[in-house]
Amino acid sequence: MNSKLTLKLNKKTIENAKRYARKHNQSLSALVENYFNLISERELAGEIDISPAVRELSGILKIDEKLDPGKEYKKHLMEKYG
């Protein structure tokens, strides 16, 4: 079942989206729906976008494999809020 959705977007963005939709023989609604479905599928699949800065920093820190992250976080909260 389809429902109506109202979006407020920059006029230039709307014009560009309409042009893109026309070029690809899609309605603007179909374009938006396909985008929302895509990001939902990626989230469910565990795919996330990582910025180049975060990707570059990934792996710099070495973590002791014996540590339990949940236990360490609980310890941190106890020290902070005590």
PDB file of N, CA and C in Angstrom:
ATOM      1  N   MET A   1       0.851  -1.171   0.000  1.00  0.00           N
ATOM      2  CA  MET A   1       0.000   0.000   0.000  1.00  0.00           C
ATOM      3  C   MET A   1       0.903   1.242   0.000  1.00  0.00           C
ATOM      4  N   ASN A   2       0.612   2.170  -0.872  1.00  0.00           N
ATOM      5  CA  ASN A   2       1.381   3.406  -0.962  1.00  0.00           C
ATOM      6  C   ASN A   2       0.818   4.461  -0.024  1.00  0.00           C
ATOM      7  N   SER A   3       1.710   5.275   0.518  1.00  0.00           N
ATOM      8  CA  SER A   3       1.336   6.396   1.372  1.00  0.00           C
ATOM      9  C   SER A   3       2.012   7.646   0.851  1.00  0.00           C
ATOM     10  N   LYS A   4       1.451   8.777   1.170  1.00  0.00           N
ATOM     11  CA  LYS A   4       2.004  10.047   0.729  1.00  0.00           C
ATOM     12  C   LYS A   4       3.067  10.516   1.711  1.00  0.00           C
ATOM     13  N   LEU A   5       4.146  11.115   1.162  1.00  0.00           N
ATOM     14  CA  LEU A   5       5.232  11.653   1.961  1.00  0.00           C
ATOM     15  C   LEU A   5       5.562  13.040   1.427  1.00  0.00           C
ATOM     16  N   THR A   6       5.661  14.002   2.317  1.00  0.00           N
ATOM     17  CA  THR A   6       6.024  15.361   1.919  1.00  0.00           C
ATOM     18  C   THR A   6       7.444  15.639   2.376  1.00  0.00           C
ATOM     19  N   LEU A   7       8.280  16.105   1.440  1.00  0.00           N
ATOM     20  CA  LEU A   7       9.668  16.429   1.753  1.00  0.00           C
ATOM     21  C   LEU A   7       9.934  17.888   1.444  1.00  0.00           C
ATOM     22  N   LYS A   8      10.772  18.512   2.248  1.00  0.00           N
ATOM     23  CA  LYS A   8      11.214  19.880   1.971  1.00  0.00           C
ATOM     24  C   LYS A   8      12.680  19.793   1.577  1.00  0.00           C
ATOM     25  N   LEU A   9      12.954  20.157   0.317  1.00  0.00           N
ATOM     26  CA  LEU A   9      14.309  20.084  -0.199  1.00  0.00           C
ATOM     27  C   LEU A   9      14.672  21.380  -0.901  1.00  0.00           C
ATOM     28  N   ASN A  10      15.952  21.597  -1.050  1.00  0.00           N
ATOM     29  CA  ASN A  10      16.464  22.727  -1.799  1.00  0.00           C
ATOM     30  C   ASN A  10      15.948  22.649  -3.236  1.00  0.00           C
ATOM     31  N   LYS A  11      15.545  23.787  -3.795  1.00  0.00           N
ATOM     32  CA  LYS A  11      14.962  23.831  -5.142  1.00  0.00           C
ATOM     33  C   LYS A  11      15.903  23.228  -6.179  1.00  0.00           C
ATOM     34  N   LYS A  12      17.189  23.532  -6.092  1.00  0.00           N
ATOM     35  CA  LYS A  12      18.169  23.005  -7.037  1.00  0.00           C
ATOM     36  C   LYS A  12      18.258  21.489  -6.933  1.00  0.00           C
ATOM     37  N   THR A  13      18.186  20.984  -5.724  1.00  0.00           N
ATOM     38  CA  THR A  13      18.223  19.535  -5.510  1.00  0.00           C
ATOM     39  C   THR A  13      17.027  18.870  -6.175  1.00  0.00           C
ATOM     40  N   ILE A  14      15.863  19.475  -6.032  1.00  0.00           N
ATOM     41  CA  ILE A  14      14.645  18.928  -6.644  1.00  0.00           C
ATOM     42  C   ILE A  14      14.766  18.928  -8.168  1.00  0.00           C
ATOM     43  N   GLU A  15      15.253  20.024  -8.719  1.00  0.00           N
ATOM     44  CA  GLU A  15      15.424  20.106 -10.179  1.00  0.00           C
ATOM     45  C   GLU A  15      16.387  19.032 -10.669  1.00  0.00           C
ATOM     46  N   ASN A  16      17.497  18.858  -9.969  1.00  0.00           N
ATOM     47  CA  ASN A  16      18.472  17.836 -10.352  1.00  0.00           C
ATOM     48  C   ASN A  16      17.875  16.431 -10.253  1.00  0.00           C
ATOM     49  N   ALA A  17      17.119  16.187  -9.203  1.00  0.00           N
ATOM     50  CA  ALA A  17      16.494  14.875  -9.014  1.00  0.00           C
ATOM     51  C   ALA A  17      15.462  14.603 -10.107  1.00  0.00           C
ATOM     52  N   LYS A  18      14.669  15.604 -10.461  1.00  0.00           N
ATOM     53  CA  LYS A  18      13.685  15.433 -11.526  1.00  0.00           C
ATOM     54  C   LYS A  18      14.377  15.137 -12.860  1.00  0.00           C
ATOM     55  N   ARG A  19      15.461  15.853 -13.128  1.00  0.00           N
ATOM     56  CA  ARG A  19      16.214  15.633 -14.359  1.00  0.00           C
ATOM     57  C   ARG A  19      16.765  14.209 -14.402  1.00  0.00           C
ATOM     58  N   TYR A  20      17.319  13.768 -13.277  1.00  0.00           N
ATOM     59  CA  TYR A  20      17.863  12.417 -13.188  1.00  0.00           C
ATOM     60  C   TYR A  20      16.761  11.373 -13.391  1.00  0.00           C
ATOM     61  N   ALA A  21      15.631  11.584 -12.739  1.00  0.00           N
ATOM     62  CA  ALA A  21      14.511  10.640 -12.853  1.00  0.00           C
ATOM     63  C   ALA A  21      14.032  10.551 -14.300  1.00  0.00           C
ATOM     64  N   ARG A  22      13.874  11.707 -14.957  1.00  0.00           N
ATOM     65  CA  ARG A  22      13.449  11.705 -16.368  1.00  0.00           C
ATOM     66  C   ARG A  22      14.441  10.948 -17.240  1.00  0.00           C
ATOM     67  N   LYS A  23      15.727  11.221 -17.021  1.00  0.00           N
ATOM     68  CA  LYS A  23      16.783  10.583 -17.809  1.00  0.00           C
ATOM     69  C   LYS A  23      16.747   9.068 -17.680  1.00  0.00           C
ATOM     70  N   HIS A  24      16.346   8.590 -16.504  1.00  0.00           N
ATOM     71  CA  HIS A  24      16.308   7.148 -16.233  1.00  0.00           C
ATOM     72  C   HIS A  24      14.891   6.566 -16.292  1.00  0.00           C
ATOM     73  N   ASN A  25      13.983   7.326 -16.889  1.00  0.00           N
ATOM     74  CA  ASN A  25      12.589   6.873 -17.074  1.00  0.00           C
ATOM     75  C   ASN A  25      11.944   6.391 -15.774  1.00  0.00           C
ATOM     76  N   GLN A  26      12.113   7.187 -14.729  1.00  0.00           N
ATOM     77  CA  GLN A  26      11.526   6.875 -13.431  1.00  0.00           C
ATOM     78  C   GLN A  26      10.769   8.092 -12.928  1.00  0.00           C
ATOM     79  N   SER A  27       9.799   7.834 -12.083  1.00  0.00           N
ATOM     80  CA  SER A  27       9.149   8.950 -11.396  1.00  0.00           C
ATOM     81  C   SER A  27      10.045   9.361 -10.229  1.00  0.00           C
ATOM     82  N   LEU A  28       9.845  10.556  -9.763  1.00  0.00           N
ATOM     83  CA  LEU A  28      10.601  11.023  -8.606  1.00  0.00           C
ATOM     84  C   LEU A  28      10.269  10.160  -7.383  1.00  0.00           C
ATOM     85  N   SER A  29       9.019   9.763  -7.272  1.00  0.00           N
ATOM     86  CA  SER A  29       8.616   8.890  -6.157  1.00  0.00           C
ATOM     87  C   SER A  29       9.352   7.556  -6.208  1.00  0.00           C
ATOM     88  N   ALA A  30       9.456   6.976  -7.412  1.00  0.00           N
ATOM     89  CA  ALA A  30      10.164   5.696  -7.557  1.00  0.00           C
ATOM     90  C   ALA A  30      11.640   5.862  -7.215  1.00  0.00           C
ATOM     91  N   LEU A  31      12.204   6.981  -7.614  1.00  0.00           N
ATOM     92  CA  LEU A  31      13.607   7.258  -7.333  1.00  0.00           C
ATOM     93  C   LEU A  31      13.859   7.316  -5.826  1.00  0.00           C
ATOM     94  N   VAL A  32      13.012   8.036  -5.124  1.00  0.00           N
ATOM     95  CA  VAL A  32      13.141   8.159  -3.667  1.00  0.00           C
ATOM     96  C   VAL A  32      12.904   6.802  -2.993  1.00  0.00           C
ATOM     97  N   GLU A  33      11.899   6.086  -3.431  1.00  0.00           N
ATOM     98  CA  GLU A  33      11.602   4.775  -2.850  1.00  0.00           C
ATOM     99  C   GLU A  33      12.773   3.816  -3.057  1.00  0.00           C
ATOM    100  N   ASN A  34      13.340   3.813  -4.252  1.00  0.00           N
ATOM    101  CA  ASN A  34      14.478   2.937  -4.533  1.00  0.00           C
ATOM    102  C   ASN A  34      15.673   3.293  -3.656  1.00  0.00           C
ATOM    103  N   TYR A  35      15.891   4.586  -3.444  1.00  0.00           N
ATOM    104  CA  TYR A  35      16.993   5.009  -2.587  1.00  0.00           C
ATOM    105  C   TYR A  35      16.772   4.539  -1.145  1.00  0.00           C
ATOM    106  N   PHE A  36      15.573   4.744  -0.626  1.00  0.00           N
ATOM    107  CA  PHE A  36      15.275   4.310   0.742  1.00  0.00           C
ATOM    108  C   PHE A  36      15.431   2.798   0.879  1.00  0.00           C
ATOM    109  N   ASN A  37      14.993   2.051  -0.134  1.00  0.00           N
ATOM    110  CA  ASN A  37      15.150   0.594  -0.098  1.00  0.00           C
ATOM    111  C   ASN A  37      16.618   0.210  -0.113  1.00  0.00           C
ATOM    112  N   LEU A  38      17.411   0.901  -0.906  1.00  0.00           N
ATOM    113  CA  LEU A  38      18.839   0.619  -0.997  1.00  0.00           C
ATOM    114  C   LEU A  38      19.534   0.823   0.342  1.00  0.00           C
ATOM    115  N   ILE A  39      19.273   1.957   0.987  1.00  0.00           N
ATOM    116  CA  ILE A  39      19.959   2.200   2.258  1.00  0.00           C
ATOM    117  C   ILE A  39      19.472   1.243   3.337  1.00  0.00           C
ATOM    118  N   SER A  40      18.209   0.838   3.280  1.00  0.00           N
ATOM    119  CA  SER A  40      17.702  -0.145   4.248  1.00  0.00           C
ATOM    120  C   SER A  40      18.374  -1.495   4.042  1.00  0.00           C
ATOM    121  N   GLU A  41      18.520  -1.917   2.775  1.00  0.00           N
ATOM    122  CA  GLU A  41      19.166  -3.198   2.474  1.00  0.00           C
ATOM    123  C   GLU A  41      20.625  -3.185   2.905  1.00  0.00           C
ATOM    124  N   ARG A  42      21.313  -2.064   2.658  1.00  0.00           N
ATOM    125  CA  ARG A  42      22.718  -1.965   3.045  1.00  0.00           C
ATOM    126  C   ARG A  42      22.869  -2.031   4.559  1.00  0.00           C
ATOM    127  N   GLU A  43      21.949  -1.391   5.274  1.00  0.00           N
ATOM    128  CA  GLU A  43      22.018  -1.417   6.733  1.00  0.00           C
ATOM    129  C   GLU A  43      21.788  -2.836   7.241  1.00  0.00           C
ATOM    130  N   LEU A  44      20.804  -3.523   6.667  1.00  0.00           N
ATOM    131  CA  LEU A  44      20.524  -4.898   7.089  1.00  0.00           C
ATOM    132  C   LEU A  44      21.684  -5.831   6.776  1.00  0.00           C
ATOM    133  N   ALA A  45      22.385  -5.562   5.687  1.00  0.00           N
ATOM    134  CA  ALA A  45      23.517  -6.395   5.293  1.00  0.00           C
ATOM    135  C   ALA A  45      24.773  -6.057   6.087  1.00  0.00           C
ATOM    136  N   GLY A  46      24.688  -5.021   6.914  1.00  0.00           N
ATOM    137  CA  GLY A  46      25.832  -4.637   7.722  1.00  0.00           C
ATOM    138  C   GLY A  46      26.826  -3.771   6.978  1.00  0.00           C
ATOM    139  N   GLU A  47      26.448  -3.300   5.803  1.00  0.00           N
ATOM    140  CA  GLU A  47      27.336  -2.425   5.045  1.00  0.00           C
ATOM    141  C   GLU A  47      27.151  -0.995   5.543  1.00  0.00           C
ATOM    142  N   ILE A  48      28.242  -0.350   5.837  1.00  0.00           N
ATOM    143  CA  ILE A  48      28.175   1.043   6.253  1.00  0.00           C
ATOM    144  C   ILE A  48      29.232   1.828   5.488  1.00  0.00           C
ATOM    145  N   ASP A  49      28.978   3.091   5.297  1.00  0.00           N
ATOM    146  CA  ASP A  49      29.950   3.958   4.657  1.00  0.00           C
ATOM    147  C   ASP A  49      30.922   4.450   5.711  1.00  0.00           C
ATOM    148  N   ILE A  50      32.191   4.275   5.432  1.00  0.00           N
ATOM    149  CA  ILE A  50      33.226   4.724   6.349  1.00  0.00           C
ATOM    150  C   ILE A  50      33.997   5.839   5.652  1.00  0.00           C
ATOM    151  N   SER A  51      34.125   6.951   6.330  1.00  0.00           N
ATOM    152  CA  SER A  51      34.835   8.086   5.738  1.00  0.00           C
ATOM    153  C   SER A  51      36.308   7.728   5.553  1.00  0.00           C
ATOM    154  N   PRO A  52      36.970   8.362   4.587  1.00  0.00           N
ATOM    155  CA  PRO A  52      38.400   8.091   4.376  1.00  0.00           C
ATOM    156  C   PRO A  52      39.248   8.335   5.628  1.00  0.00           C
ATOM    157  N   ALA A  53      38.894   9.352   6.407  1.00  0.00           N
ATOM    158  CA  ALA A  53      39.654   9.643   7.624  1.00  0.00           C
ATOM    159  C   ALA A  53      39.542   8.500   8.629  1.00  0.00           C
ATOM    160  N   VAL A  54      38.342   7.966   8.801  1.00  0.00           N
ATOM    161  CA  VAL A  54      38.150   6.852   9.734  1.00  0.00           C
ATOM    162  C   VAL A  54      38.832   5.597   9.196  1.00  0.00           C
ATOM    163  N   ARG A  55      38.715   5.369   7.890  1.00  0.00           N
ATOM    164  CA  ARG A  55      39.356   4.198   7.278  1.00  0.00           C
ATOM    165  C   ARG A  55      40.880   4.256   7.498  1.00  0.00           C
ATOM    166  N   GLU A  56      41.458   5.448   7.374  1.00  0.00           N
ATOM    167  CA  GLU A  56      42.896   5.626   7.549  1.00  0.00           C
ATOM    168  C   GLU A  56      43.313   5.326   8.987  1.00  0.00           C
ATOM    169  N   LEU A  57      42.467   5.685   9.949  1.00  0.00           N
ATOM    170  CA  LEU A  57      42.793   5.463  11.362  1.00  0.00           C
ATOM    171  C   LEU A  57      42.514   4.031  11.813  1.00  0.00           C
ATOM    172  N   SER A  58      41.734   3.330  11.044  1.00  0.00           N
ATOM    173  CA  SER A  58      41.345   1.969  11.418  1.00  0.00           C
ATOM    174  C   SER A  58      42.572   1.078  11.580  1.00  0.00           C
ATOM    175  N   GLY A  59      42.646   0.395  12.713  1.00  0.00           N
ATOM    176  CA  GLY A  59      43.724  -0.534  12.969  1.00  0.00           C
ATOM    177  C   GLY A  59      44.931   0.059  13.672  1.00  0.00           C
ATOM    178  N   ILE A  60      44.916   1.353  13.944  1.00  0.00           N
ATOM    179  CA  ILE A  60      46.057   1.999  14.601  1.00  0.00           C
ATOM    180  C   ILE A  60      46.205   1.513  16.038  1.00  0.00           C
ATOM    181  N   LEU A  61      45.086   1.422  16.745  1.00  0.00           N
ATOM    182  CA  LEU A  61      45.130   1.004  18.143  1.00  0.00           C
ATOM    183  C   LEU A  61      45.157  -0.518  18.249  1.00  0.00           C
ATOM    184  N   LYS A  62      45.996  -0.998  19.119  1.00  0.00           N
ATOM    185  CA  LYS A  62      46.051  -2.433  19.394  1.00  0.00           C
ATOM    186  C   LYS A  62      45.302  -2.680  20.698  1.00  0.00           C
ATOM    187  N   ILE A  63      44.364  -3.591  20.654  1.00  0.00           N
ATOM    188  CA  ILE A  63      43.529  -3.877  21.815  1.00  0.00           C
ATOM    189  C   ILE A  63      43.882  -5.253  22.360  1.00  0.00           C
ATOM    190  N   ASP A  64      44.029  -5.326  23.672  1.00  0.00           N
ATOM    191  CA  ASP A  64      44.295  -6.597  24.334  1.00  0.00           C
ATOM    192  C   ASP A  64      43.084  -7.502  24.133  1.00  0.00           C
ATOM    193  N   GLU A  65      43.305  -8.642  23.503  1.00  0.00           N
ATOM    194  CA  GLU A  65      42.206  -9.560  23.191  1.00  0.00           C
ATOM    195  C   GLU A  65      41.569 -10.161  24.436  1.00  0.00           C
ATOM    196  N   LYS A  66      42.247 -10.078  25.568  1.00  0.00           N
ATOM    197  CA  LYS A  66      41.722 -10.639  26.813  1.00  0.00           C
ATOM    198  C   LYS A  66      40.663  -9.738  27.439  1.00  0.00           C
ATOM    199  N   LEU A  67      40.635  -8.468  27.019  1.00  0.00           N
ATOM    200  CA  LEU A  67      39.679  -7.524  27.592  1.00  0.00           C
ATOM    201  C   LEU A  67      38.263  -7.815  27.109  1.00  0.00           C
ATOM    202  N   ASP A  68      37.315  -7.651  27.997  1.00  0.00           N
ATOM    203  CA  ASP A  68      35.894  -7.784  27.669  1.00  0.00           C
ATOM    204  C   ASP A  68      35.341  -6.363  27.526  1.00  0.00           C
ATOM    205  N   PRO A  69      35.011  -5.946  26.284  1.00  0.00           N
ATOM    206  CA  PRO A  69      34.541  -4.573  26.078  1.00  0.00           C
ATOM    207  C   PRO A  69      33.334  -4.206  26.945  1.00  0.00           C
ATOM    208  N   GLY A  70      32.403  -5.118  27.123  1.00  0.00           N
ATOM    209  CA  GLY A  70      31.224  -4.841  27.945  1.00  0.00           C
ATOM    210  C   GLY A  70      31.599  -4.592  29.394  1.00  0.00           C
ATOM    211  N   LYS A  71      32.489  -5.412  29.898  1.00  0.00           N
ATOM    212  CA  LYS A  71      32.940  -5.278  31.284  1.00  0.00           C
ATOM    213  C   LYS A  71      33.711  -3.970  31.466  1.00  0.00           C
ATOM    214  N   GLU A  72      34.559  -3.635  30.491  1.00  0.00           N
ATOM    215  CA  GLU A  72      35.342  -2.399  30.558  1.00  0.00           C
ATOM    216  C   GLU A  72      34.437  -1.167  30.516  1.00  0.00           C
ATOM    217  N   TYR A  73      33.403  -1.228  29.691  1.00  0.00           N
ATOM    218  CA  TYR A  73      32.479  -0.096  29.600  1.00  0.00           C
ATOM    219  C   TYR A  73      31.712   0.054  30.920  1.00  0.00           C
ATOM    220  N   LYS A  74      31.285  -1.049  31.483  1.00  0.00           N
ATOM    221  CA  LYS A  74      30.582  -1.005  32.767  1.00  0.00           C
ATOM    222  C   LYS A  74      31.491  -0.417  33.847  1.00  0.00           C
ATOM    223  N   LYS A  75      32.755  -0.828  33.836  1.00  0.00           N
ATOM    224  CA  LYS A  75      33.733  -0.295  34.788  1.00  0.00           C
ATOM    225  C   LYS A  75      33.870   1.222  34.605  1.00  0.00           C
ATOM    226  N   HIS A  76      33.952   1.660  33.368  1.00  0.00           N
ATOM    227  CA  HIS A  76      34.048   3.085  33.063  1.00  0.00           C
ATOM    228  C   HIS A  76      32.841   3.850  33.619  1.00  0.00           C
ATOM    229  N   LEU A  77      31.638   3.316  33.394  1.00  0.00           N
ATOM    230  CA  LEU A  77      30.428   3.974  33.876  1.00  0.00           C
ATOM    231  C   LEU A  77      30.378   4.043  35.397  1.00  0.00           C
ATOM    232  N   MET A  78      30.834   2.972  36.052  1.00  0.00           N
ATOM    233  CA  MET A  78      30.865   2.944  37.515  1.00  0.00           C
ATOM    234  C   MET A  78      31.825   4.002  38.056  1.00  0.00           C
ATOM    235  N   GLU A  79      32.978   4.145  37.377  1.00  0.00           N
ATOM    236  CA  GLU A  79      33.944   5.165  37.811  1.00  0.00           C
ATOM    237  C   GLU A  79      33.409   6.577  37.564  1.00  0.00           C
ATOM    238  N   LYS A  80      32.736   6.725  36.452  1.00  0.00           N
ATOM    239  CA  LYS A  80      32.241   8.055  36.089  1.00  0.00           C
ATOM    240  C   LYS A  80      31.055   8.481  36.956  1.00  0.00           C
ATOM    241  N   TYR A  81      30.099   7.566  37.158  1.00  0.00           N
ATOM    242  CA  TYR A  81      28.862   7.928  37.867  1.00  0.00           C
ATOM    243  C   TYR A  81      28.784   7.361  39.274  1.00  0.00           C
ATOM    244  N   GLY A  82      29.698   6.487  39.594  1.00  0.00           N
ATOM    245  CA  GLY A  82      29.896   5.901  40.819  1.00  0.00           C
ATOM    246  C   GLY A  82      29.019   5.482  41.824  1.00  0.00           C
TER     247      GLY A  82
END
